[in-house]
N, C-alpha and C. Protein backbone atom coordinates (compact mmCIF):
# COMPACT_ATOMS: atom_id res chain seq x y z
N MET A 1 0.84 -1.08 0.07
CA MET A 1 0.04 -0.15 0.22
C MET A 1 0.78 1.18 -0.12
N GLY A 2 1.64 1.36 -0.98
CA GLY A 2 2.25 2.55 -0.91
C GLY A 2 3.49 2.68 -0.45
N GLN A 3 3.85 1.49 0.37
CA GLN A 3 5.17 1.53 1.54
C GLN A 3 6.56 0.36 0.43
N ALA A 4 6.51 0.16 -0.47
CA ALA A 4 7.34 -0.72 -1.08
C ALA A 4 8.71 -0.25 -0.73
N ASN A 5 9.09 1.20 -0.23
CA ASN A 5 10.39 1.68 0.37
C ASN A 5 10.55 1.49 1.85
N VAL A 6 9.69 0.99 2.67
CA VAL A 6 9.79 0.87 3.78
C VAL A 6 10.75 -0.20 4.28
N SER A 7 11.58 0.00 5.30
CA SER A 7 12.50 -0.49 5.89
C SER A 7 11.94 -1.91 6.67
N THR A 8 12.02 -3.24 6.12
CA THR A 8 11.70 -4.41 6.66
C THR A 8 12.72 -4.85 7.82
N VAL A 9 14.27 -4.05 8.70
CA VAL A 9 14.63 -4.53 9.55
C VAL A 9 13.97 -4.20 10.14
N LYS A 10 13.70 -5.54 11.42
CA LYS A 10 13.56 -5.68 12.65
C LYS A 10 14.51 -5.35 13.85
N TRP A 11 14.35 -4.15 14.30
CA TRP A 11 15.25 -3.26 15.17
C TRP A 11 15.17 -4.18 16.50
N ASP A 12 16.41 -4.12 17.29
CA ASP A 12 16.57 -4.46 18.51
C ASP A 12 18.00 -4.15 18.79
N ARG A 13 18.50 -4.62 20.00
CA ARG A 13 19.88 -4.01 20.64
C ARG A 13 21.01 -4.64 19.50
N GLU A 14 20.67 -5.78 19.38
CA GLU A 14 21.91 -6.34 18.33
C GLU A 14 22.05 -5.95 16.99
N THR A 15 20.73 -5.90 16.34
CA THR A 15 20.79 -5.26 14.90
C THR A 15 21.07 -3.86 14.98
N THR A 16 20.79 -3.42 15.90
CA THR A 16 21.46 -2.01 16.08
C THR A 16 22.49 -1.50 15.98
N LEU A 17 23.45 -2.50 17.21
CA LEU A 17 24.90 -2.12 17.30
C LEU A 17 25.74 -2.88 15.94
N ASP A 18 24.97 -3.99 15.28
CA ASP A 18 25.51 -4.23 13.98
C ASP A 18 25.96 -3.44 13.18
N ALA A 19 24.21 -2.50 12.92
CA ALA A 19 24.44 -1.78 12.01
C ALA A 19 24.94 -0.50 12.33
N TRP A 20 25.57 -0.49 13.41
CA TRP A 20 25.98 1.06 14.03
C TRP A 20 27.33 0.68 13.53
N ARG A 21 28.05 -0.40 13.50
CA ARG A 21 29.46 -0.92 13.40
C ARG A 21 29.50 -1.06 12.24
N GLU A 22 29.12 -1.50 11.03
CA GLU A 22 28.96 -1.37 9.51
C GLU A 22 28.66 0.40 8.99
N TYR A 23 28.16 0.93 9.46
CA TYR A 23 28.10 2.33 9.60
C TYR A 23 29.67 2.97 9.53
N TRP A 24 30.00 2.73 10.78
CA TRP A 24 31.52 3.13 11.05
C TRP A 24 32.34 2.72 10.33
N GLN A 25 32.48 1.34 10.09
CA GLN A 25 33.21 0.50 9.17
C GLN A 25 33.39 1.14 7.55
N LYS A 26 32.15 1.30 6.99
CA LYS A 26 32.14 2.19 5.57
C LYS A 26 32.10 3.87 5.85
N HIS A 27 31.81 4.58 6.83
CA HIS A 27 32.42 5.98 6.75
C HIS A 27 33.51 6.45 7.61
N ARG A 28 33.75 5.66 8.45
CA ARG A 28 35.11 5.46 9.72
C ARG A 28 34.76 7.05 10.12
N LEU A 29 33.16 7.49 10.18
CA LEU A 29 32.52 8.36 11.08
C LEU A 29 31.24 7.82 11.82
N THR A 30 30.98 7.97 13.26
CA THR A 30 29.68 7.48 13.44
C THR A 30 28.55 8.10 12.79
N PRO A 31 27.26 7.79 13.17
CA PRO A 31 26.08 8.54 12.29
C PRO A 31 25.93 9.79 12.95
N ASN A 32 26.37 9.99 13.85
CA ASN A 32 25.94 11.41 14.92
C ASN A 32 27.28 12.24 13.79
N GLN A 33 28.52 11.55 13.71
CA GLN A 33 29.30 12.76 13.35
C GLN A 33 29.24 13.10 11.67
N VAL A 34 28.30 11.80 10.94
CA VAL A 34 27.99 12.29 9.80
C VAL A 34 26.69 13.19 9.63
N ARG A 35 26.08 13.20 10.38
CA ARG A 35 24.96 14.15 10.21
C ARG A 35 25.70 15.63 10.47
N ALA A 36 26.17 15.70 11.64
CA ALA A 36 27.01 17.15 12.13
C ALA A 36 27.89 17.77 11.11
N HIS A 37 28.34 16.88 10.23
CA HIS A 37 29.70 17.20 9.16
C HIS A 37 28.59 17.51 8.21
N HIS A 38 27.68 16.74 7.88
CA HIS A 38 26.64 17.40 6.68
C HIS A 38 26.13 18.37 6.96
N SER A 39 25.51 18.87 8.04
CA SER A 39 24.63 20.27 8.52
C SER A 39 25.99 21.11 8.54
N ARG A 40 27.14 21.13 8.64
CA ARG A 40 27.72 21.95 8.58
C ARG A 40 28.90 21.91 7.69
N ASN A 41 28.35 21.47 6.56
CA ASN A 41 28.91 21.57 5.21
C ASN A 41 30.54 21.39 5.72
N ILE A 42 30.99 20.21 6.44
CA ILE A 42 32.51 19.72 6.64
C ILE A 42 32.70 18.72 5.53
N SER A 43 31.62 18.13 5.59
CA SER A 43 32.04 16.93 4.38
C SER A 43 30.68 16.65 3.85
N VAL A 44 30.48 16.31 2.79
CA VAL A 44 29.09 16.01 1.91
C VAL A 44 29.06 14.67 1.58
N PHE A 45 27.95 14.34 2.14
CA PHE A 45 27.48 12.71 2.17
C PHE A 45 26.08 12.89 1.34
N SER A 46 25.78 11.69 0.51
CA SER A 46 24.71 11.19 0.02
C SER A 46 23.39 11.57 0.72
N ALA A 47 22.28 12.03 0.41
CA ALA A 47 20.84 11.72 0.84
C ALA A 47 20.57 10.92 2.19
N GLU A 48 20.73 9.60 1.02
CA GLU A 48 20.65 8.52 1.51
C GLU A 48 21.32 8.17 2.72
N ASP A 49 22.91 8.60 2.85
CA ASP A 49 24.07 8.32 3.95
C ASP A 49 23.07 8.91 5.17
N VAL A 50 22.71 10.31 4.94
CA VAL A 50 22.36 11.16 5.87
C VAL A 50 20.98 10.48 6.67
N LYS A 51 20.22 10.18 5.87
CA LYS A 51 18.62 9.30 6.28
C LYS A 51 19.02 8.26 6.97
N GLU A 52 20.29 7.31 6.61
CA GLU A 52 20.50 6.31 7.24
C GLU A 52 20.98 6.78 8.51
N ALA A 53 21.78 7.65 8.47
CA ALA A 53 22.45 7.95 9.92
C ALA A 53 21.33 8.53 11.03
N GLY A 54 20.12 9.29 10.17
CA GLY A 54 18.92 9.52 11.56
C GLY A 54 18.71 8.35 11.94
N ARG A 55 18.14 7.07 10.96
CA ARG A 55 17.92 6.23 11.60
C ARG A 55 17.98 5.78 12.54
N LEU A 56 19.89 5.82 12.59
CA LEU A 56 20.72 4.59 13.45
C LEU A 56 20.80 5.62 14.68
N VAL A 57 20.89 6.82 14.49
CA VAL A 57 20.83 7.59 15.89
C VAL A 57 19.30 7.06 16.53
N SER A 58 18.42 7.17 15.77
CA SER A 58 17.19 7.15 16.47
C SER A 58 17.00 5.53 17.35
N ALA A 59 17.37 4.34 16.37
CA ALA A 59 17.45 3.36 16.88
C ALA A 59 18.43 3.27 18.20
N VAL A 60 19.54 3.86 18.14
CA VAL A 60 20.67 3.30 19.08
C VAL A 60 20.19 4.08 20.49
N VAL A 61 19.35 5.28 20.54
CA VAL A 61 18.72 5.80 21.30
C VAL A 61 17.55 4.87 21.94
N LYS A 62 16.77 4.41 21.24
CA LYS A 62 15.66 3.66 21.48
C LYS A 62 16.23 2.18 22.03
N TYR A 63 17.43 1.56 21.40
CA TYR A 63 17.84 0.15 21.90
C TYR A 63 19.07 -0.28 22.76
N VAL A 64 19.91 1.21 22.79
CA VAL A 64 21.17 0.78 23.45
C VAL A 64 21.44 2.21 24.88
N GLY A 65 20.69 3.20 24.35
CA GLY A 65 20.49 4.59 25.30
C GLY A 65 20.85 5.66 24.71
N SER A 66 22.25 5.72 24.40
CA SER A 66 22.93 6.59 23.29
C SER A 66 23.84 6.34 23.00
N ALA A 67 24.31 7.20 21.96
CA ALA A 67 25.57 7.09 20.96
C ALA A 67 26.89 6.66 21.83
N ALA A 68 27.04 7.41 22.81
CA ALA A 68 28.45 7.10 23.60
C ALA A 68 28.27 6.08 24.29
N GLU A 69 26.83 5.15 24.67
CA GLU A 69 27.17 4.03 24.52
C GLU A 69 27.46 2.81 23.56
N ALA A 70 26.75 2.94 22.73
CA ALA A 70 26.96 2.10 21.63
C ALA A 70 28.31 2.18 21.06
N ASN A 71 29.03 3.26 21.17
CA ASN A 71 30.44 3.41 20.81
C ASN A 71 31.47 2.77 22.11
N LYS A 72 30.94 2.80 22.89
CA LYS A 72 31.58 1.98 24.25
C LYS A 72 31.82 0.49 23.79
N ILE A 73 30.51 0.03 23.76
CA ILE A 73 30.43 -1.24 23.51
C ILE A 73 30.99 -2.31 22.44
N LEU A 74 31.12 -1.08 21.32
CA LEU A 74 31.99 -1.58 19.82
C LEU A 74 33.40 -0.94 20.32
N GLY A 75 33.51 -0.28 20.77
CA GLY A 75 35.20 0.02 20.85
C GLY A 75 35.52 0.96 20.04
N ILE A 76 34.74 1.73 19.84
CA ILE A 76 34.77 3.02 18.59
C ILE A 76 34.99 4.03 19.75
N ILE A 77 36.05 4.91 19.88
CA ILE A 77 36.54 6.20 19.85
C ILE A 77 36.39 7.20 19.09
N VAL A 78 35.50 8.16 19.50
CA VAL A 78 35.52 9.59 18.92
C VAL A 78 36.10 10.47 19.51
N ASP A 79 37.22 10.94 18.95
CA ASP A 79 38.11 11.92 19.07
C ASP A 79 37.66 13.54 18.93
N ARG A 80 36.99 13.77 19.99
CA ARG A 80 36.60 15.28 19.83
C ARG A 80 37.31 16.18 19.66
N LYS A 81 38.54 16.37 20.19
CA LYS A 81 39.42 17.42 20.02
C LYS A 81 40.37 17.11 18.97
N ARG A 82 40.15 16.39 18.02
CA ARG A 82 40.83 16.23 16.70
C ARG A 82 40.00 17.13 15.78
N LYS A 83 40.90 18.08 15.06
CA LYS A 83 40.52 19.05 13.90
C LYS A 83 40.49 18.32 13.00
N GLN A 84 40.01 18.53 11.63
CA GLN A 84 40.50 18.63 10.28
C GLN A 84 41.57 19.54 10.71
N GLN A 85 42.75 19.22 9.65
CA GLN A 85 43.74 20.05 9.86
C GLN A 85 44.04 20.07 7.94
N ILE A 86 44.61 20.88 7.78
CA ILE A 86 45.22 20.95 6.10
C ILE A 86 46.43 21.68 6.03
N GLU A 87 47.24 20.96 5.83
CA GLU A 87 48.34 21.36 5.50
C GLU A 87 48.92 22.27 4.67
N LEU A 88 49.56 23.34 4.46
CA LEU A 88 49.58 24.69 3.33
C LEU A 88 51.06 24.46 3.41
N SER A 89 51.59 24.28 1.96
CA SER A 89 53.27 24.55 1.56
C SER A 89 53.20 25.86 1.25
N SER A 90 54.48 26.07 2.01
CA SER A 90 54.92 27.41 1.63
C SER A 90 56.26 27.39 0.41
N LYS A 91 56.41 26.03 -0.08
CA LYS A 91 57.32 26.07 -1.03
C LYS A 91 56.70 26.53 -2.30
């Protein structure tokens, strides 16, 4: 009934953590980071990647508790102090 594109993923704690890990492995950024970088024009991601990030953030809050908890469980370290640096050559 007009819902052919609706996800059929059965979300729970395990599937959420698996999807969070896969997203991290694909982008080397967490879904929260992708959304933030995209909204601040730090990096450009496809609309589908940003939508997927949003779905994952919602799922992780519901089934895991928080992004920080998911990262801790999966051993993902988010370095908030690291800034993207551009080295300019004076040569």
